[in-house]
Amino acid sequence: MLVIFDCDGVLVDSEILASRVDSERLKEIGYEISVDEMSHRFAGLTWDRIAKIIESELGRPLPEGFHKQTDAELDRRLADELDIIPGVHDMLDRLDYQRCICSNSSPERLKISLTRTKLYDRFRPYVFSAVAIGNKRPKPAPDVFLHAANEFDADPRDCVVIEDSTHGVHGAKAAGMRVIGFIGGSHSWPGHADQLTAAGAETVIRRMADLPATVAAFAAWSGLDE
C-alpha cells in the first residue's frame, strides 16, 4: 500500500497562517474577509482560482504585484512561524507503508514548510507538487496522485490519501484512490468532517495518532493483507 499525504493542513499547520496573511493583505485593498472565512471558502484552492473569485467580487483586478508580495510575506511567515501538526513525527515512526506527499503548493514552498518542520528528509525525494509535474494541473485534477502511483508502481486502488480539503478528496477519488479525511488543523471548522465525507472520504480522523491503525484497517478491508 502507498500512503499519500497532502501537506498543508495535514502535515503542517500552514492553512491558518496562509489565511491570516491573505486576510490581512486583502483588507488593505478594501476586500473585507475574516481569517475563518478565508479558510472555509478557499481551503485547497490555488491562488489563481482564489484571485479570480476575489476579482469578480471586487469588480476590478487585484493590484499589480499583489500575488508576488503576498507570496513573499507568506514564505517569510512559514519559515519563521510554521508549526507541525501535532503527532506527525510519532505517526511516521509507526506507519509501516510506503509514503509520499502530493500537494498543490510549489516545490519551493514545500521545501520551506517541510524543512521548518523537519519533515523534508522523511519524505524526499517523494515530494510531488501538482503545479510542477505533467500538465501542471492542480487538484481537484487527479494528475499529481496518478503521478505518485506511477512513481511507486502502485495500483491506484492500493493507495490511501490523507486530505483536509474537498478539492483534494475529489482529486484522489478521480484518481481511483481511497481517502481518509483529516480535520486536526487549526483551520478546521464545524461541519468540516461532513464536507469531507460528502466529497468522498471513507472516514475522518482528528488525531495523527489514529492514522496508522486507520490505514491498517483500510488495508485489511481491501484484502491487501491477504
Protein backbone atom coordinates (compact mmCIF):
# COMPACT_ATOMS: atom_id res chain seq x y z
CA MET A 1 0.00 0.00 0.00
CA LEU A 2 1.07 3.56 -0.76
CA VAL A 3 0.03 6.29 1.71
CA ILE A 4 -0.21 9.72 0.09
CA PHE A 5 -0.25 12.82 2.28
CA ASP A 6 -1.44 16.27 1.40
CA CYS A 7 0.93 18.76 3.02
CA ASP A 8 -0.83 21.99 4.01
CA GLY A 9 -3.32 21.37 6.80
CA VAL A 10 -2.39 17.69 7.07
CA LEU A 11 1.33 17.51 7.88
CA VAL A 12 1.96 21.19 8.61
CA ASP A 13 -0.41 23.72 10.18
CA SER A 14 0.01 26.19 7.34
CA GLU A 15 -3.56 26.80 6.22
CA ILE A 16 -4.29 29.09 9.17
CA LEU A 17 -1.11 31.09 8.51
CA ALA A 18 -1.96 31.44 4.84
CA SER A 19 -5.47 32.59 5.70
CA ARG A 20 -4.13 35.20 8.12
CA VAL A 21 -1.72 36.62 5.56
CA ASP A 22 -4.35 36.66 2.81
CA SER A 23 -6.96 38.25 5.08
CA GLU A 24 -4.56 40.98 6.18
CA ARG A 25 -3.39 41.76 2.66
CA LEU A 26 -6.89 41.74 1.14
CA LYS A 27 -8.24 44.09 3.80
CA GLU A 28 -5.52 46.56 2.81
CA ILE A 29 -7.07 46.81 -0.67
CA GLY A 30 -10.67 47.04 0.51
CA TYR A 31 -11.75 43.39 0.41
CA GLU A 32 -13.05 42.55 3.87
CA ILE A 33 -12.71 38.87 4.73
CA SER A 34 -12.06 37.21 8.07
CA VAL A 35 -9.42 34.55 8.67
CA ASP A 36 -12.14 31.96 9.27
CA GLU A 37 -13.98 32.81 6.05
CA MET A 38 -10.72 32.72 4.13
CA SER A 39 -10.06 29.22 5.46
CA HIS A 40 -13.55 27.87 4.87
CA ARG A 41 -14.12 29.30 1.40
CA PHE A 42 -10.73 28.84 -0.18
CA ALA A 43 -9.01 25.87 1.51
CA GLY A 44 -7.29 23.73 -1.09
CA LEU A 45 -7.66 26.19 -3.99
CA THR A 46 -4.72 27.61 -5.92
CA TRP A 47 -4.08 31.34 -5.74
CA ASP A 48 -5.07 31.76 -9.41
CA ARG A 49 -8.53 30.38 -8.66
CA ILE A 50 -8.87 32.43 -5.47
CA ALA A 51 -7.81 35.60 -7.29
CA LYS A 52 -10.45 35.12 -10.00
CA ILE A 53 -13.17 34.78 -7.37
CA ILE A 54 -11.99 37.84 -5.44
CA GLU A 55 -11.58 39.96 -8.58
CA SER A 56 -15.12 39.04 -9.62
CA GLU A 57 -16.48 40.12 -6.23
CA LEU A 58 -14.36 43.28 -6.14
CA GLY A 59 -15.30 44.22 -9.68
CA ARG A 60 -11.70 45.07 -10.51
CA PRO A 61 -8.32 43.39 -10.91
CA LEU A 62 -6.06 42.94 -7.92
CA PRO A 63 -3.16 45.43 -7.83
CA GLU A 64 -0.11 44.64 -9.91
CA GLY A 65 2.36 42.61 -7.89
CA PHE A 66 -0.21 41.74 -5.21
CA HIS A 67 0.27 37.99 -5.52
CA LYS A 68 4.07 38.18 -5.54
CA GLN A 69 4.14 40.39 -2.46
CA THR A 70 1.60 38.21 -0.64
CA ASP A 71 3.59 35.09 -1.50
CA ALA A 72 6.78 36.65 -0.17
CA GLU A 73 5.09 37.56 3.11
CA LEU A 74 3.65 34.07 3.48
CA ASP A 75 7.01 32.44 2.78
CA ARG A 76 8.57 34.63 5.47
CA ARG A 77 5.87 33.69 7.98
CA LEU A 78 6.11 30.00 7.13
CA ALA A 79 9.87 30.00 7.63
CA ASP A 80 9.57 31.81 10.98
CA GLU A 81 6.27 30.66 12.50
CA LEU A 82 5.03 27.42 10.95
CA ASP A 83 4.11 24.58 13.32
CA ILE A 84 3.90 20.91 12.50
CA ILE A 85 0.57 19.16 13.00
CA PRO A 86 0.83 17.53 16.47
CA GLY A 87 1.86 13.88 16.43
CA VAL A 88 3.14 13.72 12.85
CA HIS A 89 6.67 12.53 13.63
CA ASP A 90 5.43 9.84 16.01
CA MET A 91 2.83 8.75 13.45
CA LEU A 92 5.52 8.42 10.75
CA ASP A 93 7.62 6.31 13.12
CA ARG A 94 4.69 3.90 13.40
CA LEU A 95 3.49 3.90 9.78
CA ASP A 96 4.79 0.76 8.10
CA TYR A 97 3.90 1.59 4.49
CA GLN A 98 5.49 3.44 1.60
CA ARG A 99 4.63 7.12 1.69
CA CYS A 100 4.86 10.36 -0.26
CA ILE A 101 3.43 13.89 -0.43
CA CYS A 102 1.10 15.24 -3.13
CA SER A 103 0.40 18.95 -2.81
CA ASN A 104 -0.85 21.96 -4.75
CA SER A 105 1.94 24.06 -3.24
CA SER A 106 5.01 24.92 -5.30
CA PRO A 107 8.21 22.90 -4.82
CA GLU A 108 9.85 25.97 -3.27
CA ARG A 109 7.10 26.45 -0.69
CA LEU A 110 7.01 22.75 0.11
CA LYS A 111 10.73 22.82 0.87
CA ILE A 112 10.29 25.85 3.15
CA SER A 113 7.46 24.21 5.09
CA LEU A 114 8.95 20.74 5.29
CA THR A 115 12.40 22.00 6.26
CA ARG A 116 10.98 24.20 9.01
CA THR A 117 9.10 21.20 10.49
CA LYS A 118 11.96 18.70 9.95
CA LEU A 119 9.84 16.63 7.57
CA TYR A 120 11.76 17.14 4.35
CA ASP A 121 14.25 14.35 4.98
CA ARG A 122 11.43 12.00 5.97
CA PHE A 123 9.80 12.22 2.53
CA ARG A 124 12.33 13.31 -0.08
CA PRO A 125 12.61 12.67 -2.97
CA TYR A 126 8.92 11.73 -2.92
CA VAL A 127 7.51 15.24 -2.55
CA PHE A 128 5.30 15.95 -5.56
CA SER A 129 3.94 19.37 -6.49
CA ALA A 130 0.86 19.31 -8.74
CA VAL A 131 1.91 22.61 -10.33
CA ALA A 132 5.33 21.26 -11.30
CA ILE A 133 4.56 17.89 -12.92
CA GLY A 134 3.00 16.85 -16.20
CA ASN A 135 0.38 19.32 -17.40
CA LYS A 136 0.74 21.24 -14.11
CA ARG A 137 -2.93 20.85 -13.27
CA PRO A 138 -3.65 21.34 -9.55
CA LYS A 139 -6.14 19.36 -7.52
CA PRO A 140 -9.02 18.59 -7.99
CA ALA A 141 -7.37 17.20 -11.14
CA PRO A 142 -6.11 13.69 -10.32
CA ASP A 143 -2.77 14.15 -12.10
CA VAL A 144 -0.47 14.51 -9.09
CA PHE A 145 -1.97 11.43 -7.42
CA LEU A 146 -1.60 9.33 -10.55
CA HIS A 147 1.98 10.59 -10.91
CA ALA A 148 2.76 9.38 -7.39
CA ALA A 149 1.21 5.97 -8.04
CA ASN A 150 3.28 5.64 -11.19
CA GLU A 151 6.49 6.57 -9.35
CA PHE A 152 5.88 3.75 -6.87
CA ASP A 153 4.46 1.34 -9.49
CA ALA A 154 1.33 1.19 -7.30
CA ASP A 155 -2.21 0.42 -8.37
CA PRO A 156 -4.36 3.48 -7.53
CA ARG A 157 -6.79 1.12 -5.80
CA ASP A 158 -3.98 0.27 -3.38
CA CYS A 159 -3.34 3.92 -2.46
CA VAL A 160 -4.78 5.76 0.54
CA VAL A 161 -4.78 9.56 0.51
CA ILE A 162 -4.95 11.82 3.59
CA GLU A 163 -6.68 15.09 2.74
CA ASP A 164 -8.15 18.09 4.56
CA SER A 165 -9.90 19.77 1.60
CA THR A 166 -12.82 18.77 -0.60
CA HIS A 167 -10.76 19.62 -3.69
CA GLY A 168 -8.10 17.16 -2.59
CA VAL A 169 -10.69 14.49 -1.85
CA HIS A 170 -12.26 14.97 -5.27
CA GLY A 171 -8.86 14.67 -6.95
CA ALA A 172 -7.96 11.49 -5.07
CA LYS A 173 -11.31 9.91 -5.83
CA ALA A 174 -10.96 10.85 -9.51
CA ALA A 175 -7.62 9.00 -9.43
CA GLY A 176 -9.41 5.90 -8.16
CA MET A 177 -7.91 6.09 -4.67
CA ARG A 178 -9.39 5.78 -1.20
CA VAL A 179 -9.42 8.79 1.10
CA ILE A 180 -9.12 9.49 4.82
CA GLY A 181 -10.27 12.97 5.76
CA PHE A 182 -8.24 14.93 8.31
CA ILE A 183 -9.66 17.70 10.49
CA GLY A 184 -6.85 18.23 13.01
CA GLY A 185 -5.51 21.52 11.65
CA SER A 186 -6.08 24.89 13.30
CA HIS A 187 -8.16 25.98 10.31
CA SER A 188 -10.77 23.26 10.81
CA TRP A 189 -14.37 24.33 11.41
CA PRO A 190 -17.75 22.86 12.45
CA GLY A 191 -19.03 20.85 9.53
CA HIS A 192 -15.55 20.21 8.11
CA ALA A 193 -15.84 16.44 8.63
CA ASP A 194 -19.25 16.35 6.96
CA GLN A 195 -17.89 18.19 3.93
CA LEU A 196 -15.02 15.74 3.52
CA THR A 197 -17.36 12.77 3.89
CA ALA A 198 -19.76 14.20 1.35
CA ALA A 199 -16.84 14.69 -1.06
CA GLY A 200 -15.94 11.01 -0.79
CA ALA A 201 -13.73 10.43 2.25
CA GLU A 202 -14.47 6.99 3.70
CA THR A 203 -13.67 8.07 7.24
CA VAL A 204 -12.40 11.19 9.01
CA ILE A 205 -9.82 11.47 11.80
CA ARG A 206 -8.82 14.37 14.03
CA ARG A 207 -5.59 12.99 15.57
CA MET A 208 -2.48 11.81 13.73
CA ALA A 209 -2.13 9.14 16.41
CA ASP A 210 -5.15 7.42 14.88
CA LEU A 211 -3.76 7.24 11.35
CA PRO A 212 -1.58 4.08 11.46
CA ALA A 213 -4.45 1.94 12.75
CA THR A 214 -6.86 3.50 10.27
CA VAL A 215 -4.54 2.79 7.33
CA ALA A 216 -4.04 -0.77 8.56
CA ALA A 217 -7.81 -1.19 8.70
CA PHE A 218 -8.11 0.09 5.13
CA ALA A 219 -5.54 -2.47 4.03
CA ALA A 220 -7.47 -5.26 5.74
CA TRP A 221 -10.82 -4.10 4.34
CA SER A 222 -9.44 -4.13 0.79
CA GLY A 223 -7.88 -7.57 1.23
CA LEU A 224 -4.35 -6.24 0.78
CA ASP A 225 -3.08 -8.15 3.81
CA GLU A 226 -4.17 -11.48 2.40
